[in-house]
Amino acid sequence: QVHLVESGGGLVQAGGSLRLSCVVSTPITNMYRLGWYRQAPGKQRELVATIFATGVTNYVDFAKGRFVISKDNAKNTVYLQMNSLTSEDTAVYYCSAMLGPFSANDWGQGIQVTVSS
């Protein structure tokens, strides 16, 4: 099982930025897919962004133009740079990893991001 540990969350004012980090317990160079999800109070967990082993990235609509997912294979770390934050971005953010295309997601414990308006 892959272990993931998120960091970098906290409280930020609207319009501000945060960078989340997720350290993965195994080498990520050839890991099929890494991703960030979030879950706001009373809502289901939703996808934010993904990055594949090739470096190809995908974003959901609310993240496009504001968030950037990236990874550092040498550090086994995936990042989520979040800019122009609004109160609607307040949620617990989770890092995920899929070893292969038919693997289940492994999850981090989640980290709180709170945006004050």
Protein backbone atom coordinates (compact mmCIF):
# COMPACT_ATOMS: atom_id res chain seq x y z
CA GLN A 1 0.00 0.00 0.00
CA VAL A 2 1.18 3.47 -0.84
CA HIS A 3 1.30 6.03 1.95
CA LEU A 4 0.75 9.70 1.21
CA VAL A 5 1.22 12.66 3.53
CA GLU A 6 -0.14 16.09 2.68
CA SER A 7 1.13 19.40 4.00
CA GLY A 8 0.83 23.11 3.27
CA GLY A 9 -2.80 23.72 4.12
CA GLY A 10 -4.13 26.36 6.45
CA LEU A 11 -6.01 29.64 6.57
CA VAL A 12 -5.68 32.17 3.78
CA GLN A 13 -7.58 35.29 2.78
CA ALA A 14 -9.66 35.38 -0.37
CA GLY A 15 -7.49 36.17 -3.36
CA GLY A 16 -4.47 34.57 -1.76
CA SER A 17 -2.45 31.50 -2.66
CA LEU A 18 -1.39 28.23 -1.10
CA ARG A 19 0.80 25.39 -2.24
CA LEU A 20 -0.07 21.91 -1.08
CA SER A 21 2.53 19.17 -1.04
CA CYS A 22 2.11 15.41 -0.90
CA VAL A 23 5.02 13.12 -0.16
CA VAL A 24 4.54 9.58 -1.48
CA SER A 25 6.14 6.57 0.20
CA THR A 26 7.17 4.89 -3.07
CA PRO A 27 8.87 6.18 -6.22
CA ILE A 28 6.43 8.13 -8.35
CA THR A 29 8.37 8.28 -11.62
CA ASN A 30 6.32 5.55 -13.23
CA MET A 31 3.24 5.85 -11.07
CA TYR A 32 0.24 5.78 -13.38
CA ARG A 33 -1.61 8.76 -11.94
CA LEU A 34 -1.38 11.18 -9.04
CA GLY A 35 -4.17 13.52 -8.14
CA TRP A 36 -5.75 16.01 -5.80
CA TYR A 37 -9.35 15.81 -4.63
CA ARG A 38 -11.29 17.90 -2.17
CA GLN A 39 -14.33 17.57 0.05
CA ALA A 40 -16.26 20.54 1.36
CA PRO A 41 -18.58 20.24 4.37
CA GLY A 42 -21.79 18.46 3.43
CA LYS A 43 -20.56 17.66 -0.06
CA GLN A 44 -19.08 14.66 -1.82
CA ARG A 45 -15.41 14.35 -2.53
CA GLU A 46 -14.61 15.82 -5.93
CA LEU A 47 -11.69 15.70 -8.31
CA VAL A 48 -9.50 18.80 -8.60
CA ALA A 49 -6.59 17.82 -10.85
CA THR A 50 -4.53 14.85 -11.99
CA ILE A 51 -1.06 14.27 -13.39
CA PHE A 52 0.01 11.15 -15.21
CA ALA A 53 3.41 9.47 -15.36
CA THR A 54 3.97 11.17 -18.71
CA GLY A 55 3.43 14.56 -17.12
CA VAL A 56 0.09 15.11 -18.81
CA THR A 57 -2.25 17.08 -16.54
CA ASN A 58 -6.00 17.43 -16.33
CA TYR A 59 -8.12 19.94 -14.40
CA VAL A 60 -11.76 20.25 -13.59
CA ASP A 61 -13.42 23.47 -14.66
CA PHE A 62 -13.17 25.33 -11.35
CA ALA A 63 -9.43 24.66 -11.20
CA LYS A 64 -8.53 25.70 -14.73
CA GLY A 65 -6.49 28.89 -14.81
CA ARG A 66 -6.13 29.03 -11.02
CA PHE A 67 -4.58 25.75 -9.88
CA VAL A 68 -1.46 23.98 -11.12
CA ILE A 69 -0.59 20.37 -10.38
CA SER A 70 3.03 19.29 -10.68
CA LYS A 71 5.37 16.62 -9.42
CA ASP A 72 9.01 16.19 -8.51
CA ASN A 73 9.99 12.61 -9.21
CA ALA A 74 13.28 12.96 -7.35
CA LYS A 75 11.44 13.97 -4.18
CA ASN A 76 8.48 11.60 -4.63
CA THR A 77 6.28 14.65 -4.16
CA VAL A 78 3.23 16.01 -5.93
CA TYR A 79 2.15 19.62 -5.55
CA LEU A 80 -0.96 21.69 -5.99
CA GLN A 81 -0.40 25.40 -6.42
CA MET A 82 -3.65 27.22 -5.74
CA ASN A 83 -4.09 30.87 -6.69
CA SER A 84 -6.94 33.38 -6.56
CA LEU A 85 -8.60 31.41 -3.80
CA THR A 86 -12.21 32.05 -2.87
CA SER A 87 -14.37 30.90 0.03
CA GLU A 88 -15.75 28.19 -2.25
CA ASP A 89 -12.32 26.55 -2.23
CA THR A 90 -12.63 25.86 1.48
CA ALA A 91 -12.41 22.09 1.88
CA VAL A 92 -10.30 19.19 3.03
CA TYR A 93 -7.86 18.41 0.23
CA TYR A 94 -6.72 14.85 -0.40
CA CYS A 95 -3.78 13.52 -2.35
CA SER A 96 -4.29 10.30 -4.29
CA ALA A 97 -2.11 7.80 -6.10
CA MET A 98 -2.85 5.04 -8.58
CA LEU A 99 -0.07 2.56 -9.24
CA GLY A 100 -1.60 1.34 -12.47
CA PRO A 101 -4.59 1.96 -14.73
CA PHE A 102 -6.66 -0.71 -12.97
CA SER A 103 -5.48 0.03 -9.44
CA ALA A 104 -7.60 1.57 -6.74
CA ASN A 105 -6.68 4.99 -5.41
CA ASP A 106 -4.56 5.21 -2.30
CA TRP A 107 -5.31 8.28 -0.22
CA GLY A 108 -3.61 10.67 2.10
CA GLN A 109 -5.21 11.67 5.38
CA GLY A 110 -6.34 15.02 4.00
CA ILE A 111 -5.46 18.56 4.90
CA GLN A 112 -7.72 21.50 5.68
CA VAL A 113 -7.74 24.59 3.49
CA THR A 114 -9.84 27.49 4.74
CA VAL A 115 -10.34 30.65 2.71
CA SER A 116 -11.70 33.63 4.59
CA SER A 117 -13.75 36.20 2.72
